[in-house]
Amino acid sequence: MAPPRRGAAASAPFSPPTPETLALVYCLVGESRIEVDRALAAIRAAAHPDGGADLATDAFDAQSPGDKAELAARIVSASNTMPFLARRRLVLVRGVELLDGDAAETLLGYLASPSPSTCLVLLGDKADGRLKLFARLKKDGVLFSFDPPRDDASARALIEREAQARGVRFEARALTAFLEIVPLDAGEIANAVEQLSLYVSATAAPGGGETRIGEDAVRAVLVARREHSIFELTDAIGQGSVERALRLLRALPPEDAAPVKVCTMLGRTVRQLMATKTLPARANKFDAAQTLGVPPFVAEKLLGQAAGFSVQALERVLLLVAETDRLLKSSRNDDDLLVDRMVLGMCALRARTATSSPARR
């Protein structure tokens, strides 16, 4: 039997392997733990489809104290050991970025001629492409990076991968609505796609072909609660109603109430309001929806809220949100108090806008 292929191209996304396509080596790195863990689970399943994992799996951790060169030698020795009562031996190594110098040279020697009966999986937080080990792994096409989404483009790619894994597909408007609701977090995205896939599968007609997620499904499952809550809070801030804003802040759903998430949601809404200010004075919700890339019902809300702020006030609000986000992530202050101060500051800026001059479209 021909040995399994070494892996997909370095630029290609990770594809769950089968026992027949399992590569001899994988390197999984990145901060998105949910995706790394899922990829590792797929590799485990392909390596040991018939069981025997306990007797044919070796695990090493480079974070443990000890000589790294000696650890690398033990990793290579285990990788060259024939599997016992299993199709392949699985060797897992955590903290691969800590294996440098002689340890890296030892692993490079193994990569030149890996055992055809072993799957070596290297796991780490990040890959430094300047190092020979990672350069070789990338060249071999077995380096896969799983980073959390940083912007809408990377979030869109993650959403589509999650949907594909569940056998569903987003319609274009549904995907846009999803991006407006769910924060840039791999776990949040995975959970939301799971909820939607279950919903559309339960409501789809038998024999209806491909299961699609439409905007109505997103609105029914995700929008009704999340957009309602965050728009209510933004409405209260836009009216300068301190008491109502604080009350709504306390009433946010548990999954949206984390201080950093409140900053994320309000920051995104403020940026949308600033974009709304660039629209022609007579733009309606459909014009706004097309320009802003949001569903019409979201655009209608944004148009109404933008009328209550001047451009200068929105700029100050955005700076306030950014500063609060920085303090939440870098200080030991009371997180809830920081968010309270942010909301109070936003209400104050709105009040000053209302008393100084009419807000401009």
Protein backbone atom coordinates (compact mmCIF):
# COMPACT_ATOMS: atom_id res chain seq x y z
CA MET A 1 0.00 0.00 0.00
CA ALA A 2 1.34 3.46 -0.89
CA PRO A 3 2.24 5.64 2.07
CA PRO A 4 -0.26 8.36 2.98
CA ARG A 5 0.29 11.75 1.45
CA ARG A 6 2.27 14.29 3.43
CA GLY A 7 -0.45 16.91 3.58
CA ALA A 8 -2.30 19.64 1.76
CA ALA A 9 -0.75 22.79 0.40
CA ALA A 10 0.35 25.24 3.07
CA SER A 11 -2.05 27.89 1.81
CA ALA A 12 -5.03 25.55 1.87
CA PRO A 13 -7.39 25.39 4.84
CA PHE A 14 -7.29 22.30 7.02
CA SER A 15 -9.47 19.49 5.73
CA PRO A 16 -10.44 16.66 8.10
CA PRO A 17 -8.49 13.60 6.94
CA THR A 18 -9.71 10.06 6.40
CA PRO A 19 -7.65 6.97 7.27
CA GLU A 20 -6.58 6.88 3.63
CA THR A 21 -5.57 10.55 3.35
CA LEU A 22 -4.03 10.97 6.80
CA ALA A 23 -0.70 12.81 6.51
CA LEU A 24 2.48 11.59 8.18
CA VAL A 25 3.00 14.93 9.95
CA TYR A 26 0.76 17.79 11.04
CA CYS A 27 1.59 21.04 12.79
CA LEU A 28 -1.45 22.78 14.28
CA VAL A 29 -0.86 26.24 15.72
CA GLY A 30 -2.97 29.24 16.67
CA GLU A 31 -4.99 30.92 19.38
CA SER A 32 -8.35 29.58 18.22
CA ARG A 33 -8.42 26.60 20.55
CA ILE A 34 -11.82 25.38 19.40
CA GLU A 35 -10.53 24.93 15.83
CA VAL A 36 -7.24 23.38 16.93
CA ASP A 37 -9.06 20.91 19.16
CA ARG A 38 -11.49 20.03 16.38
CA ALA A 39 -8.66 19.44 13.92
CA LEU A 40 -6.84 17.27 16.44
CA ALA A 41 -10.01 15.25 17.05
CA ALA A 42 -10.34 14.64 13.30
CA ILE A 43 -6.73 13.47 13.09
CA ARG A 44 -7.25 11.13 16.06
CA ALA A 45 -10.33 9.63 14.42
CA ALA A 46 -8.50 9.06 11.15
CA ALA A 47 -5.43 7.58 12.86
CA HIS A 48 -7.43 5.14 14.98
CA PRO A 49 -10.74 4.47 13.21
CA ASP A 50 -10.99 1.01 14.74
CA GLY A 51 -9.83 1.83 18.27
CA GLY A 52 -6.56 0.98 19.91
CA ALA A 53 -5.73 4.63 20.62
CA ASP A 54 -4.59 4.05 24.20
CA LEU A 55 -1.94 1.54 23.21
CA ALA A 56 -0.74 3.42 20.13
CA THR A 57 -0.59 7.04 21.31
CA ASP A 58 2.39 8.85 22.84
CA ALA A 59 2.10 12.38 24.21
CA PHE A 60 4.91 14.82 24.96
CA ASP A 61 4.88 18.35 26.35
CA ALA A 62 7.78 20.69 25.62
CA GLN A 63 6.57 22.96 28.41
CA SER A 64 7.65 20.38 30.97
CA PRO A 65 11.08 20.99 32.57
CA GLY A 66 14.03 19.07 31.16
CA ASP A 67 16.51 18.99 28.32
CA LYS A 68 14.73 19.80 25.02
CA ALA A 69 17.25 17.94 22.88
CA GLU A 70 16.69 14.79 24.92
CA LEU A 71 12.94 15.30 24.62
CA ALA A 72 13.22 15.60 20.84
CA ALA A 73 15.19 12.34 20.74
CA ARG A 74 12.40 10.58 22.66
CA ILE A 75 9.81 12.04 20.30
CA VAL A 76 11.68 10.68 17.28
CA SER A 77 12.17 7.31 18.97
CA ALA A 78 8.44 7.03 19.67
CA SER A 79 7.63 8.09 16.11
CA ASN A 80 9.85 5.33 14.72
CA THR A 81 8.21 2.67 16.92
CA MET A 82 5.76 0.34 15.20
CA PRO A 83 2.15 0.67 16.44
CA PHE A 84 0.78 -2.02 18.73
CA LEU A 85 -2.71 -3.37 17.99
CA ALA A 86 -3.51 -0.34 15.88
CA ARG A 87 -3.24 0.81 12.28
CA ARG A 88 -0.95 3.72 13.05
CA ARG A 89 0.96 5.20 15.96
CA LEU A 90 -0.10 8.71 16.95
CA VAL A 91 2.57 10.94 18.53
CA LEU A 92 1.40 14.26 20.01
CA VAL A 93 3.80 17.04 20.92
CA ARG A 94 2.59 20.20 22.66
CA GLY A 95 4.60 23.40 22.83
CA VAL A 96 6.46 22.82 19.56
CA GLU A 97 7.63 26.46 19.44
CA LEU A 98 9.83 25.70 22.48
CA LEU A 99 11.85 23.08 20.59
CA ASP A 100 14.73 25.06 19.10
CA GLY A 101 18.44 24.54 18.59
CA ASP A 102 19.52 20.89 18.74
CA ALA A 103 15.94 19.80 19.46
CA ALA A 104 14.73 21.41 16.24
CA GLU A 105 17.56 19.84 14.26
CA THR A 106 16.56 16.41 15.58
CA LEU A 107 12.97 16.93 14.45
CA LEU A 108 14.15 18.21 11.08
CA GLY A 109 16.06 14.99 10.64
CA TYR A 110 12.90 13.01 11.27
CA LEU A 111 10.87 15.17 8.85
CA ALA A 112 13.29 14.23 6.08
CA SER A 113 12.09 10.62 6.33
CA PRO A 114 9.03 10.21 8.57
CA SER A 115 7.78 6.77 9.53
CA PRO A 116 4.96 5.60 7.22
CA SER A 117 3.20 3.93 10.17
CA THR A 118 3.12 7.03 12.40
CA CYS A 119 1.22 10.31 12.43
CA LEU A 120 3.24 12.98 14.24
CA VAL A 121 1.16 15.96 15.40
CA LEU A 122 2.99 19.08 16.58
CA LEU A 123 0.89 21.58 18.53
CA GLY A 124 1.74 25.14 19.47
CA ASP A 125 0.47 28.65 20.10
CA LYS A 126 2.25 30.27 17.18
CA ALA A 127 4.62 29.57 14.32
CA ASP A 128 7.71 31.66 13.66
CA GLY A 129 8.31 31.40 9.94
CA ARG A 130 11.90 32.57 10.37
CA LEU A 131 12.83 29.34 12.18
CA LYS A 132 14.00 26.38 10.07
CA LEU A 133 11.58 23.93 11.68
CA PHE A 134 8.48 25.96 10.83
CA ALA A 135 9.84 26.87 7.41
CA ARG A 136 10.22 23.16 6.66
CA LEU A 137 6.75 22.33 7.95
CA LYS A 138 5.27 25.08 5.79
CA LYS A 139 7.24 23.90 2.76
CA ASP A 140 5.94 20.36 3.29
CA GLY A 141 2.39 21.72 3.41
CA VAL A 142 1.64 20.42 6.90
CA LEU A 143 1.60 23.71 8.84
CA PHE A 144 -1.97 24.80 9.62
CA SER A 145 -2.67 28.01 11.49
CA PHE A 146 -5.94 28.54 13.37
CA ASP A 147 -6.13 32.17 14.43
CA PRO A 148 -9.22 33.85 15.85
CA PRO A 149 -11.10 36.04 13.37
CA ARG A 150 -9.64 39.57 13.26
CA ASP A 151 -12.09 41.17 10.83
CA ASP A 152 -15.26 40.47 8.85
CA ALA A 153 -13.33 38.76 6.04
CA SER A 154 -11.69 36.18 8.34
CA ALA A 155 -14.96 35.77 10.26
CA ARG A 156 -16.80 35.13 7.00
CA ALA A 157 -14.32 32.38 6.07
CA LEU A 158 -14.72 30.78 9.50
CA ILE A 159 -18.52 30.93 9.31
CA GLU A 160 -18.48 29.23 5.92
CA ARG A 161 -16.14 26.50 7.21
CA GLU A 162 -18.40 25.90 10.21
CA ALA A 163 -21.45 25.74 7.97
CA GLN A 164 -19.77 23.35 5.55
CA ALA A 165 -18.83 21.05 8.42
CA ARG A 166 -22.53 20.85 9.34
CA GLY A 167 -23.82 20.38 5.80
CA VAL A 168 -25.55 23.76 5.53
CA ARG A 169 -24.92 26.89 3.49
CA PHE A 170 -25.54 30.57 4.23
CA GLU A 171 -27.34 32.76 1.75
CA ALA A 172 -25.52 36.05 1.14
CA ARG A 173 -27.94 38.24 3.11
CA ALA A 174 -28.00 35.74 5.97
CA LEU A 175 -24.22 35.80 6.19
CA THR A 176 -24.26 39.60 6.32
CA ALA A 177 -26.85 39.56 9.10
CA PHE A 178 -24.82 36.96 11.01
CA LEU A 179 -21.72 39.18 10.89
CA GLU A 180 -23.70 42.08 12.33
CA ILE A 181 -24.87 40.06 15.33
CA VAL A 182 -22.18 37.63 16.41
CA PRO A 183 -18.90 38.93 17.91
CA LEU A 184 -15.50 38.13 16.37
CA ASP A 185 -14.96 35.06 18.49
CA ALA A 186 -14.46 31.53 17.15
CA GLY A 187 -16.43 29.92 19.98
CA GLU A 188 -19.35 32.34 19.59
CA ILE A 189 -19.39 31.79 15.83
CA ALA A 190 -19.32 28.01 16.16
CA ASN A 191 -22.16 28.02 18.70
CA ALA A 192 -24.29 30.35 16.59
CA VAL A 193 -23.79 28.28 13.43
CA GLU A 194 -24.68 25.16 15.40
CA GLN A 195 -27.93 26.77 16.61
CA LEU A 196 -28.84 27.83 13.09
CA SER A 197 -28.02 24.46 11.54
CA LEU A 198 -30.24 22.71 14.08
CA TYR A 199 -33.02 25.20 13.43
CA VAL A 200 -33.01 24.96 9.64
CA SER A 201 -32.65 21.17 9.74
CA ALA A 202 -35.69 20.91 12.00
CA THR A 203 -37.81 23.24 9.87
CA ALA A 204 -36.68 22.10 6.39
CA ALA A 205 -39.11 20.20 4.21
CA PRO A 206 -38.23 16.51 3.64
CA GLY A 207 -36.37 15.96 0.39
CA GLY A 208 -35.84 19.68 -0.06
CA GLY A 209 -32.26 19.34 -1.25
CA GLU A 210 -29.44 21.45 0.13
CA THR A 211 -30.17 22.95 3.54
CA ARG A 212 -29.76 26.71 3.36
CA ILE A 213 -29.69 29.30 6.11
CA GLY A 214 -31.63 32.39 5.10
CA GLU A 215 -31.89 35.84 6.63
CA ASP A 216 -35.24 34.93 8.19
CA ALA A 217 -33.61 32.03 10.06
CA VAL A 218 -30.81 34.27 11.35
CA ARG A 219 -33.38 36.81 12.46
CA ALA A 220 -35.53 34.19 14.16
CA VAL A 221 -32.69 32.45 15.99
CA LEU A 222 -30.15 35.21 16.66
CA VAL A 223 -31.38 38.66 15.76
CA ALA A 224 -34.60 38.85 17.71
CA ARG A 225 -32.88 38.70 21.06
CA ARG A 226 -29.41 40.13 20.46
CA GLU A 227 -30.21 43.03 18.13
CA HIS A 228 -33.24 43.95 20.19
CA SER A 229 -31.16 44.20 23.35
CA ILE A 230 -28.20 46.11 21.89
CA PHE A 231 -30.40 48.47 19.86
CA GLU A 232 -32.49 49.21 22.93
CA LEU A 233 -29.32 50.09 24.82
CA THR A 234 -28.10 52.27 21.93
CA ASP A 235 -31.54 53.94 21.76
CA ALA A 236 -31.35 54.80 25.46
CA ILE A 237 -27.85 56.23 25.03
CA GLY A 238 -29.04 58.16 21.97
CA GLN A 239 -31.79 59.69 24.06
CA GLY A 240 -29.35 60.56 26.84
CA SER A 241 -31.44 58.50 29.28
CA VAL A 242 -28.91 57.46 31.92
CA GLU A 243 -31.35 55.52 34.11
CA ARG A 244 -32.81 53.53 31.20
CA ALA A 245 -29.39 52.86 29.67
CA LEU A 246 -28.01 51.44 32.92
CA ARG A 247 -31.15 49.36 33.44
CA LEU A 248 -30.88 47.89 29.93
CA LEU A 249 -27.17 47.27 30.47
CA ARG A 250 -28.03 45.14 33.51
CA ALA A 251 -30.71 43.29 31.51
CA LEU A 252 -28.51 42.15 28.63
CA PRO A 253 -28.64 38.38 27.96
CA PRO A 254 -25.85 36.49 29.80
CA GLU A 255 -24.00 35.71 26.56
CA ASP A 256 -23.85 39.45 25.75
CA ALA A 257 -23.26 40.88 29.23
CA ALA A 258 -19.49 40.32 29.49
CA PRO A 259 -17.84 43.79 29.67
CA VAL A 260 -15.50 43.20 26.72
CA LYS A 261 -18.41 41.96 24.63
CA VAL A 262 -20.48 45.04 25.51
CA CYS A 263 -17.57 47.15 24.22
CA THR A 264 -17.39 45.09 21.05
CA MET A 265 -21.10 45.39 20.32
CA LEU A 266 -21.31 49.11 21.10
CA GLY A 267 -18.11 49.82 19.17
CA ARG A 268 -19.48 48.08 16.08
CA THR A 269 -22.76 49.95 16.37
CA VAL A 270 -20.99 53.30 16.72
CA ARG A 271 -18.88 52.59 13.62
CA GLN A 272 -22.07 51.77 11.74
CA LEU A 273 -23.62 55.03 12.93
CA MET A 274 -20.57 56.93 11.67
CA ALA A 275 -20.91 55.21 8.28
CA THR A 276 -24.60 56.16 8.27
CA LYS A 277 -23.59 59.83 8.55
CA THR A 278 -21.93 59.60 5.12
CA LEU A 279 -25.21 58.64 3.38
CA PRO A 280 -27.21 61.16 1.33
CA ALA A 281 -29.75 63.10 3.38
CA ARG A 282 -32.72 61.40 1.68
CA ALA A 283 -31.42 57.83 1.91
CA ASN A 284 -34.07 55.34 3.03
CA LYS A 285 -33.54 52.07 4.84
CA PHE A 286 -33.11 50.14 1.60
CA ASP A 287 -30.47 52.57 0.30
CA ALA A 288 -28.72 52.40 3.66
CA ALA A 289 -28.93 48.61 3.75
CA GLN A 290 -27.25 48.31 0.35
CA THR A 291 -24.49 50.81 1.19
CA LEU A 292 -23.79 49.56 4.73
CA GLY A 293 -24.16 45.87 3.92
CA VAL A 294 -26.77 45.22 6.60
CA PRO A 295 -30.36 43.96 6.52
CA PRO A 296 -33.01 46.72 5.99
CA PHE A 297 -34.42 46.38 9.53
CA VAL A 298 -30.92 47.03 10.92
CA ALA A 299 -30.42 49.97 8.53
CA GLU A 300 -33.71 51.51 9.66
CA LYS A 301 -32.57 51.41 13.28
CA LEU A 302 -29.19 52.90 12.40
CA LEU A 303 -30.78 55.77 10.46
CA GLY A 304 -32.96 56.68 13.43
CA GLN A 305 -30.15 56.48 15.95
CA ALA A 306 -27.65 58.39 13.80
CA ALA A 307 -29.98 61.37 13.73
CA GLY A 308 -29.41 61.83 17.46
CA PHE A 309 -25.63 62.27 17.22
CA SER A 310 -23.29 64.69 15.54
CA VAL A 311 -20.26 63.32 13.70
CA GLN A 312 -17.99 64.87 16.32
CA ALA A 313 -19.94 63.24 19.14
CA LEU A 314 -19.70 59.84 17.47
CA GLU A 315 -15.96 60.25 17.08
CA ARG A 316 -15.65 61.00 20.82
CA VAL A 317 -17.92 58.08 21.66
CA LEU A 318 -15.76 55.72 19.60
CA LEU A 319 -12.64 56.94 21.40
CA LEU A 320 -14.39 56.37 24.74
CA VAL A 321 -15.30 52.80 23.74
CA ALA A 322 -11.75 52.10 22.56
CA GLU A 323 -10.25 53.43 25.79
CA THR A 324 -12.66 51.35 27.87
CA ASP A 325 -11.78 48.25 25.85
CA ARG A 326 -8.06 48.95 26.45
CA LEU A 327 -8.58 49.33 30.19
CA LEU A 328 -10.66 46.14 30.36
CA LYS A 329 -7.87 44.17 28.74
CA SER A 330 -4.90 45.74 30.47
CA SER A 331 -5.88 46.88 33.97
CA ARG A 332 -7.11 45.50 37.26
CA ASN A 333 -10.02 47.92 37.54
CA ASP A 334 -13.56 46.80 38.24
CA ASP A 335 -14.81 45.72 34.79
CA ASP A 336 -18.48 46.47 35.49
CA LEU A 337 -17.56 49.92 36.80
CA LEU A 338 -15.56 50.64 33.64
CA VAL A 339 -18.54 49.75 31.45
CA ASP A 340 -20.87 51.84 33.62
CA ARG A 341 -18.55 54.82 33.20
CA MET A 342 -18.43 54.24 29.47
CA VAL A 343 -22.23 54.23 29.16
CA LEU A 344 -22.50 57.32 31.38
CA GLY A 345 -19.89 59.07 29.23
CA MET A 346 -21.76 58.17 26.04
CA CYS A 347 -25.00 59.56 27.49
CA ALA A 348 -23.18 62.75 28.50
CA LEU A 349 -21.76 63.20 25.00
CA ARG A 350 -25.24 62.73 23.53
CA ALA A 351 -26.65 65.29 25.97
CA ARG A 352 -24.00 67.85 25.00
CA THR A 353 -24.79 67.24 21.34
CA ALA A 354 -28.49 67.88 21.96
CA THR A 355 -27.88 71.17 23.83
CA SER A 356 -25.18 72.58 21.55
CA SER A 357 -26.57 72.18 18.03
CA PRO A 358 -28.90 70.00 15.96
CA ALA A 359 -27.33 66.68 14.93
CA ARG A 360 -26.27 66.51 11.29
CA ARG A 361 -27.12 63.66 8.97
